N, C-alpha and C. Protein backbone atom coordinates (compact mmCIF):
# COMPACT_ATOMS: atom_id res chain seq x y z
N MET A 1 125.55 110.89 88.90
CA MET A 1 126.01 110.31 89.82
C MET A 1 124.37 109.49 90.62
N SER A 2 124.46 108.57 90.97
CA SER A 2 122.84 107.91 91.01
C SER A 2 122.38 108.10 92.22
N ARG A 3 121.33 108.00 92.58
CA ARG A 3 120.99 108.10 94.40
C ARG A 3 120.18 106.74 94.56
N ASN A 4 120.84 105.99 95.90
CA ASN A 4 120.34 104.46 95.72
C ASN A 4 119.23 104.74 96.82
N TYR A 5 119.11 103.55 97.37
CA TYR A 5 118.04 103.43 98.46
C TYR A 5 118.70 101.25 98.78
N ASP A 6 118.64 101.59 100.02
CA ASP A 6 119.15 100.01 100.06
C ASP A 6 118.95 99.40 101.78
N GLY A 7 118.97 98.61 102.19
CA GLY A 7 118.75 97.98 103.45
C GLY A 7 117.75 96.64 103.51
N ASP A 8 116.48 96.58 103.97
CA ASP A 8 115.71 95.53 103.27
C ASP A 8 115.07 95.23 101.92
N ILE A 9 114.92 96.77 101.40
CA ILE A 9 114.85 96.48 100.00
C ILE A 9 115.84 97.26 98.93
N GLU A 10 116.44 97.28 98.06
CA GLU A 10 117.43 98.45 97.24
C GLU A 10 117.14 98.31 95.97
N GLY A 11 117.64 99.68 95.82
CA GLY A 11 117.41 99.99 94.33
C GLY A 11 117.84 101.28 93.80
N ARG A 12 117.53 101.66 92.79
CA ARG A 12 118.35 103.07 92.50
C ARG A 12 117.11 103.91 92.24
N PHE A 13 117.20 105.49 92.43
CA PHE A 13 116.18 106.45 92.06
C PHE A 13 115.89 106.63 90.67
N TRP A 14 115.10 106.14 90.10
CA TRP A 14 115.11 107.33 88.63
C TRP A 14 115.57 108.75 88.10
N PHE A 15 116.78 108.51 87.74
CA PHE A 15 117.32 109.71 87.42
C PHE A 15 116.74 110.43 87.05
N GLY A 16 116.76 112.09 87.26
CA GLY A 16 116.01 113.37 86.80
C GLY A 16 113.76 113.22 86.72
N ILE A 17 113.32 111.84 87.52
CA ILE A 17 112.32 111.28 87.44
C ILE A 17 111.27 111.20 89.06
N GLN A 18 112.57 110.33 89.53
CA GLN A 18 111.66 110.32 90.95
C GLN A 18 112.81 111.50 92.33
N ASN A 19 112.37 111.73 92.78
CA ASN A 19 112.61 112.35 94.30
C ASN A 19 113.13 111.09 95.30
N SER A 20 113.89 111.45 95.65
CA SER A 20 114.82 110.36 97.05
C SER A 20 113.64 110.27 97.98
N ASN A 21 112.52 111.05 98.21
CA ASN A 21 111.34 111.27 99.12
C ASN A 21 110.45 110.40 99.06
N ALA A 22 110.43 109.42 97.84
CA ALA A 22 109.40 109.11 97.34
C ALA A 22 108.48 108.29 98.01
N ALA A 23 109.06 107.25 99.53
CA ALA A 23 108.57 106.61 99.58
C ALA A 23 107.48 107.20 100.49
N ASN A 24 107.72 108.71 100.94
CA ASN A 24 106.75 109.35 101.68
C ASN A 24 105.48 108.98 101.17
N ARG A 25 105.35 109.07 99.67
CA ARG A 25 103.63 108.50 99.72
C ARG A 25 103.17 107.19 99.78
N PHE A 26 103.89 106.79 100.45
CA PHE A 26 103.17 105.40 101.27
C PHE A 26 102.99 105.49 102.48
N GLY A 27 102.63 106.61 103.40
CA GLY A 27 102.11 106.83 104.39
C GLY A 27 103.65 106.97 105.63
N VAL A 28 104.93 106.73 105.66
CA VAL A 28 106.06 106.64 106.30
C VAL A 28 107.09 107.90 106.02
N ILE A 29 107.08 108.74 106.83
CA ILE A 29 107.82 109.93 105.68
C ILE A 29 109.31 109.61 106.41
N GLY A 30 110.61 109.79 105.64
CA GLY A 30 111.62 109.41 106.06
C GLY A 30 112.62 110.74 107.19
N HIS A 31 113.15 110.23 107.50
CA HIS A 31 113.91 111.10 108.72
C HIS A 31 115.34 111.49 108.01
N PRO A 32 115.79 113.08 107.79
CA PRO A 32 116.67 113.50 107.15
C PRO A 32 117.87 113.45 108.43
N PRO A 33 119.05 113.58 108.55
CA PRO A 33 119.60 114.62 107.72
C PRO A 33 120.75 114.10 106.58
N THR A 34 121.16 112.62 106.68
CA THR A 34 121.77 113.08 105.31
C THR A 34 121.52 111.80 104.09
N HIS A 35 120.58 110.80 104.92
CA HIS A 35 119.93 109.69 104.42
C HIS A 35 118.07 109.92 104.92
N LEU A 36 117.30 109.74 103.75
CA LEU A 36 116.30 109.55 104.92
C LEU A 36 116.17 107.81 105.23
N GLU A 37 115.55 108.15 106.27
CA GLU A 37 115.38 106.40 106.99
C GLU A 37 113.71 106.32 106.87
N TYR A 38 113.63 105.15 106.52
CA TYR A 38 112.01 104.36 106.57
C TYR A 38 111.87 103.30 106.77
N TYR A 39 110.90 103.14 107.69
CA TYR A 39 110.46 101.66 108.36
C TYR A 39 108.99 101.57 108.49
N PHE A 40 108.68 100.55 107.53
CA PHE A 40 107.59 100.27 107.23
C PHE A 40 107.00 98.83 108.04
N ASP A 41 106.11 98.81 108.30
CA ASP A 41 105.81 97.46 109.03
C ASP A 41 103.79 97.21 108.59
N GLU A 42 103.33 96.18 109.14
CA GLU A 42 102.23 95.58 108.59
C GLU A 42 101.19 97.38 108.72
N ASP A 43 101.27 98.00 109.72
CA ASP A 43 100.61 98.66 110.08
C ASP A 43 100.40 99.59 108.94
N ASN A 44 101.23 99.61 108.13
CA ASN A 44 101.18 100.55 107.37
C ASN A 44 100.93 100.05 105.89
N LEU A 45 100.82 98.70 105.84
CA LEU A 45 100.04 97.90 104.70
C LEU A 45 98.83 98.68 103.60
N GLU A 46 97.94 99.11 105.11
CA GLU A 46 96.26 99.21 104.38
C GLU A 46 96.99 100.75 103.28
N GLU A 47 97.69 101.49 104.14
CA GLU A 47 97.60 102.99 103.46
C GLU A 47 98.80 102.51 101.94
N CYS A 48 100.02 101.48 102.06
CA CYS A 48 100.70 101.56 100.90
C CYS A 48 99.32 100.95 99.59
N GLU A 49 98.50 99.99 100.41
CA GLU A 49 98.19 99.21 99.11
C GLU A 49 97.21 100.46 98.86
N LYS A 50 96.49 101.22 99.26
CA LYS A 50 95.93 101.94 98.90
C LYS A 50 96.22 103.01 97.63
N GLU A 51 97.77 103.29 98.13
CA GLU A 51 98.40 104.18 96.99
C GLU A 51 98.76 103.53 96.16
N ILE A 52 98.98 102.32 96.43
CA ILE A 52 99.03 101.49 95.02
C ILE A 52 98.53 101.63 94.12
N LYS A 53 97.00 101.15 94.88
CA LYS A 53 95.64 101.14 93.88
C LYS A 53 95.32 102.59 92.95
N LEU A 54 95.76 103.67 94.09
CA LEU A 54 95.25 105.06 93.34
C LEU A 54 96.14 105.00 92.11
N ILE A 55 97.93 104.85 92.55
CA ILE A 55 98.55 105.37 91.35
C ILE A 55 98.64 104.30 89.73
N GLU A 56 98.10 103.00 90.13
CA GLU A 56 97.60 102.28 89.31
C GLU A 56 96.28 102.53 88.25
N ARG A 57 95.42 103.15 89.51
CA ARG A 57 94.09 104.02 88.51
C ARG A 57 94.64 105.00 87.47
N LYS A 58 95.32 105.73 88.41
CA LYS A 58 96.26 106.64 87.43
C LYS A 58 97.14 106.57 86.36
N LEU A 59 97.50 105.66 86.47
CA LEU A 59 98.54 105.30 85.11
C LEU A 59 97.82 104.46 83.83
N GLY A 60 96.65 103.69 84.54
CA GLY A 60 95.69 103.33 83.56
C GLY A 60 96.45 102.67 82.51
N SER A 61 95.70 102.80 81.16
CA SER A 61 96.08 101.59 80.00
C SER A 61 98.03 101.82 79.99
N ASN A 62 98.59 102.79 80.16
CA ASN A 62 99.76 102.62 80.81
C ASN A 62 100.67 101.95 81.57
N LEU A 63 99.48 101.05 82.54
CA LEU A 63 100.33 100.48 83.13
C LEU A 63 101.17 98.85 82.98
N GLU A 64 100.14 98.78 82.00
CA GLU A 64 100.10 97.40 81.53
C GLU A 64 101.36 97.46 80.24
N LEU A 65 101.12 98.62 79.68
CA LEU A 65 102.36 98.63 79.16
C LEU A 65 103.63 98.73 79.42
N LEU A 66 103.89 99.60 80.83
CA LEU A 66 104.80 99.75 81.41
C LEU A 66 105.68 98.41 82.23
N ASP A 67 104.40 97.83 82.77
CA ASP A 67 105.27 96.34 83.44
C ASP A 67 105.34 95.32 82.14
N ASP A 68 105.32 95.22 81.67
CA ASP A 68 105.61 94.40 79.73
C ASP A 68 106.90 94.77 79.44
N PHE A 69 106.70 96.43 79.57
CA PHE A 69 108.30 97.11 79.33
C PHE A 69 109.35 96.15 79.54
N TYR A 70 108.89 96.68 80.87
CA TYR A 70 110.37 96.70 82.43
C TYR A 70 110.10 95.43 82.75
N ASP A 71 109.16 94.64 82.40
CA ASP A 71 109.68 92.76 82.95
C ASP A 71 109.83 92.37 82.09
N ILE A 72 110.22 92.22 80.82
CA ILE A 72 110.37 91.73 80.03
C ILE A 72 111.92 91.89 78.93
N ASN A 73 111.74 93.28 78.91
CA ASN A 73 113.32 93.75 78.56
C ASN A 73 114.19 94.00 79.61
N VAL A 74 115.44 94.18 78.57
CA VAL A 74 116.54 94.59 79.13
C VAL A 74 116.55 95.94 79.00
N VAL A 75 116.33 97.03 79.84
CA VAL A 75 116.41 98.15 79.30
C VAL A 75 117.42 98.96 78.98
N ASP A 76 118.46 99.31 77.86
CA ASP A 76 119.15 99.97 77.89
C ASP A 76 118.79 101.91 77.81
N LYS A 77 119.65 102.56 78.04
CA LYS A 77 119.33 103.68 78.53
C LYS A 77 118.49 104.44 77.10
N ALA A 78 118.72 104.65 76.22
CA ALA A 78 118.00 105.20 75.11
C ALA A 78 116.56 104.26 75.16
N GLU A 79 116.52 103.01 75.10
CA GLU A 79 115.25 102.11 75.61
C GLU A 79 114.30 103.22 76.63
N HIS A 80 115.04 103.64 77.66
CA HIS A 80 114.35 104.19 78.75
C HIS A 80 114.25 105.79 78.57
N LYS A 81 114.92 105.99 78.06
CA LYS A 81 114.93 107.36 77.70
C LYS A 81 113.65 107.93 76.46
N ALA A 82 113.44 106.86 75.91
CA ALA A 82 112.46 107.04 74.12
C ALA A 82 110.92 106.20 75.31
N MET A 83 110.93 105.49 76.51
CA MET A 83 109.57 105.87 77.06
C MET A 83 109.44 106.84 77.95
N ILE A 84 110.65 107.64 78.80
CA ILE A 84 110.32 108.43 79.22
C ILE A 84 109.60 109.62 77.74
N GLU A 85 110.51 109.88 77.07
CA GLU A 85 109.74 110.98 76.30
C GLU A 85 108.69 110.43 75.42
N MET A 86 107.93 109.15 75.41
CA MET A 86 106.91 108.83 75.16
C MET A 86 105.59 109.15 75.97
N LEU A 87 106.10 108.99 77.20
CA LEU A 87 104.81 109.09 77.96
C LEU A 87 104.98 109.96 79.02
N GLY A 88 106.16 110.63 79.09
CA GLY A 88 106.10 111.88 80.01
C GLY A 88 106.83 111.81 81.68
N ASP A 89 107.48 112.95 81.97
CA ASP A 89 107.91 112.59 83.50
C ASP A 89 106.89 111.84 84.42
N ASP A 90 105.65 113.05 84.71
CA ASP A 90 104.83 112.67 85.65
C ASP A 90 104.31 111.15 85.47
N VAL A 91 104.21 110.32 84.48
CA VAL A 91 103.70 109.26 84.11
C VAL A 91 104.94 108.20 84.96
N MET A 92 106.13 108.50 84.29
CA MET A 92 107.35 107.52 84.91
C MET A 92 107.34 108.12 85.63
N ALA A 93 107.43 108.97 86.90
CA ALA A 93 107.72 109.45 88.12
C ALA A 93 106.79 108.69 89.22
N ASP A 94 105.20 108.36 88.34
CA ASP A 94 104.31 107.74 89.44
C ASP A 94 104.74 105.87 88.81
N TYR A 95 105.11 105.59 87.75
CA TYR A 95 105.04 104.81 87.82
C TYR A 95 106.59 103.88 88.71
N ALA A 96 108.09 104.79 88.62
CA ALA A 96 109.01 104.30 89.29
C ALA A 96 108.25 104.48 90.52
N ASP A 97 107.28 105.46 91.07
CA ASP A 97 106.84 105.40 92.57
C ASP A 97 105.86 103.89 92.62
N LEU A 98 105.36 103.52 91.95
CA LEU A 98 104.76 102.52 91.96
C LEU A 98 105.93 100.89 92.00
N VAL A 99 106.79 100.90 91.32
CA VAL A 99 107.55 100.12 91.39
C VAL A 99 108.24 99.90 92.96
N LEU A 100 108.49 101.16 93.61
CA LEU A 100 109.09 101.19 94.99
C LEU A 100 107.72 100.88 95.71
N GLY A 101 106.99 101.13 95.67
CA GLY A 101 105.58 101.13 96.60
C GLY A 101 105.66 99.08 96.63
N ARG A 102 105.67 98.97 95.16
CA ARG A 102 105.39 97.39 95.27
C ARG A 102 106.67 96.69 96.27
N LYS A 103 107.87 97.07 95.74
CA LYS A 103 108.60 96.78 96.82
C LYS A 103 108.76 96.61 97.67
N ILE A 104 108.30 97.67 98.60
CA ILE A 104 107.98 97.79 99.64
C ILE A 104 106.89 96.62 100.57
N ILE A 105 105.66 96.64 100.22
CA ILE A 105 104.63 95.61 100.53
C ILE A 105 105.04 94.35 100.54
N ASP A 106 105.84 93.92 99.23
CA ASP A 106 106.29 92.67 99.48
C ASP A 106 107.13 92.07 100.02
N CYS A 107 108.07 93.15 101.25
CA CYS A 107 109.49 93.07 101.83
C CYS A 107 108.44 92.78 103.00
N VAL A 108 107.60 93.67 103.19
CA VAL A 108 106.84 93.69 104.62
C VAL A 108 105.63 92.17 104.62
N LYS A 109 105.61 92.08 103.87
CA LYS A 109 104.39 90.86 103.71
C LYS A 109 105.30 89.60 103.80
N ARG A 110 106.80 89.62 102.88
CA ARG A 110 107.87 88.51 103.35
C ARG A 110 108.30 88.34 104.42
N LYS A 111 108.67 89.79 105.21
CA LYS A 111 109.64 89.39 106.80
C LYS A 111 108.82 90.18 107.73
N GLY A 112 107.97 90.80 107.50
CA GLY A 112 106.84 91.37 108.80
C GLY A 112 107.10 92.99 108.89
N ASP A 113 108.52 93.78 107.96
CA ASP A 113 108.98 95.00 107.99
C ASP A 113 109.99 94.85 107.05
N CYS A 114 109.54 96.52 107.00
CA CYS A 114 110.92 96.44 106.28
C CYS A 114 111.12 98.11 106.62
N TYR A 115 112.60 97.89 106.42
CA TYR A 115 114.11 99.19 106.48
C TYR A 115 114.53 99.37 105.65
N PHE A 116 114.60 100.52 104.96
CA PHE A 116 115.70 101.18 104.17
C PHE A 116 116.02 102.58 104.42
N MET A 117 117.32 102.78 103.91
CA MET A 117 117.58 104.46 103.98
C MET A 117 117.59 105.06 102.45
N ALA A 118 117.57 106.15 101.56
CA ALA A 118 117.38 106.42 100.68
C ALA A 118 118.26 107.60 100.53
N GLU A 119 119.25 107.54 99.29
CA GLU A 119 120.36 108.86 99.62
C GLU A 119 119.56 110.13 99.44
N PHE A 120 119.84 111.19 99.75
CA PHE A 120 119.36 112.52 99.37
C PHE A 120 120.20 112.72 98.03
C-alpha cells in the first residue's frame, strides 16, 4: 500500500524510505489525526531553501548521480531497489525529502502558497 500526498503538489512517499511527515523538515509541522496537513507560503521559503541546501551538501557527489538517474531514466522497481542498495537508506531518504522540498518551493514560487495533505 502506498502513502500519497496530494493538494497543490502530489506524489508518493518512497516505500520503506520516506516518512509521511517528511515535509516537517522544511519548517511547517503537519497536523494529524488521519492525514498530515501542510500549508507553506512565502514566509516559509527561506527555511525551505536553507534545508534544501543542507540536504544538497549532505548528499555531496551523490546528488548529481541521483538527479541524473531519476530525471533521465524511467526507473522500474528493480533499478530503484538497486540504487537503494548501492547508496543506502539514509542517502535515499535524504534524496526523497529533497525531491519533496523542491516541489514545495516550486509550488510556492509559482502560486504564492502550497497546501497538501499527506497520508499517515
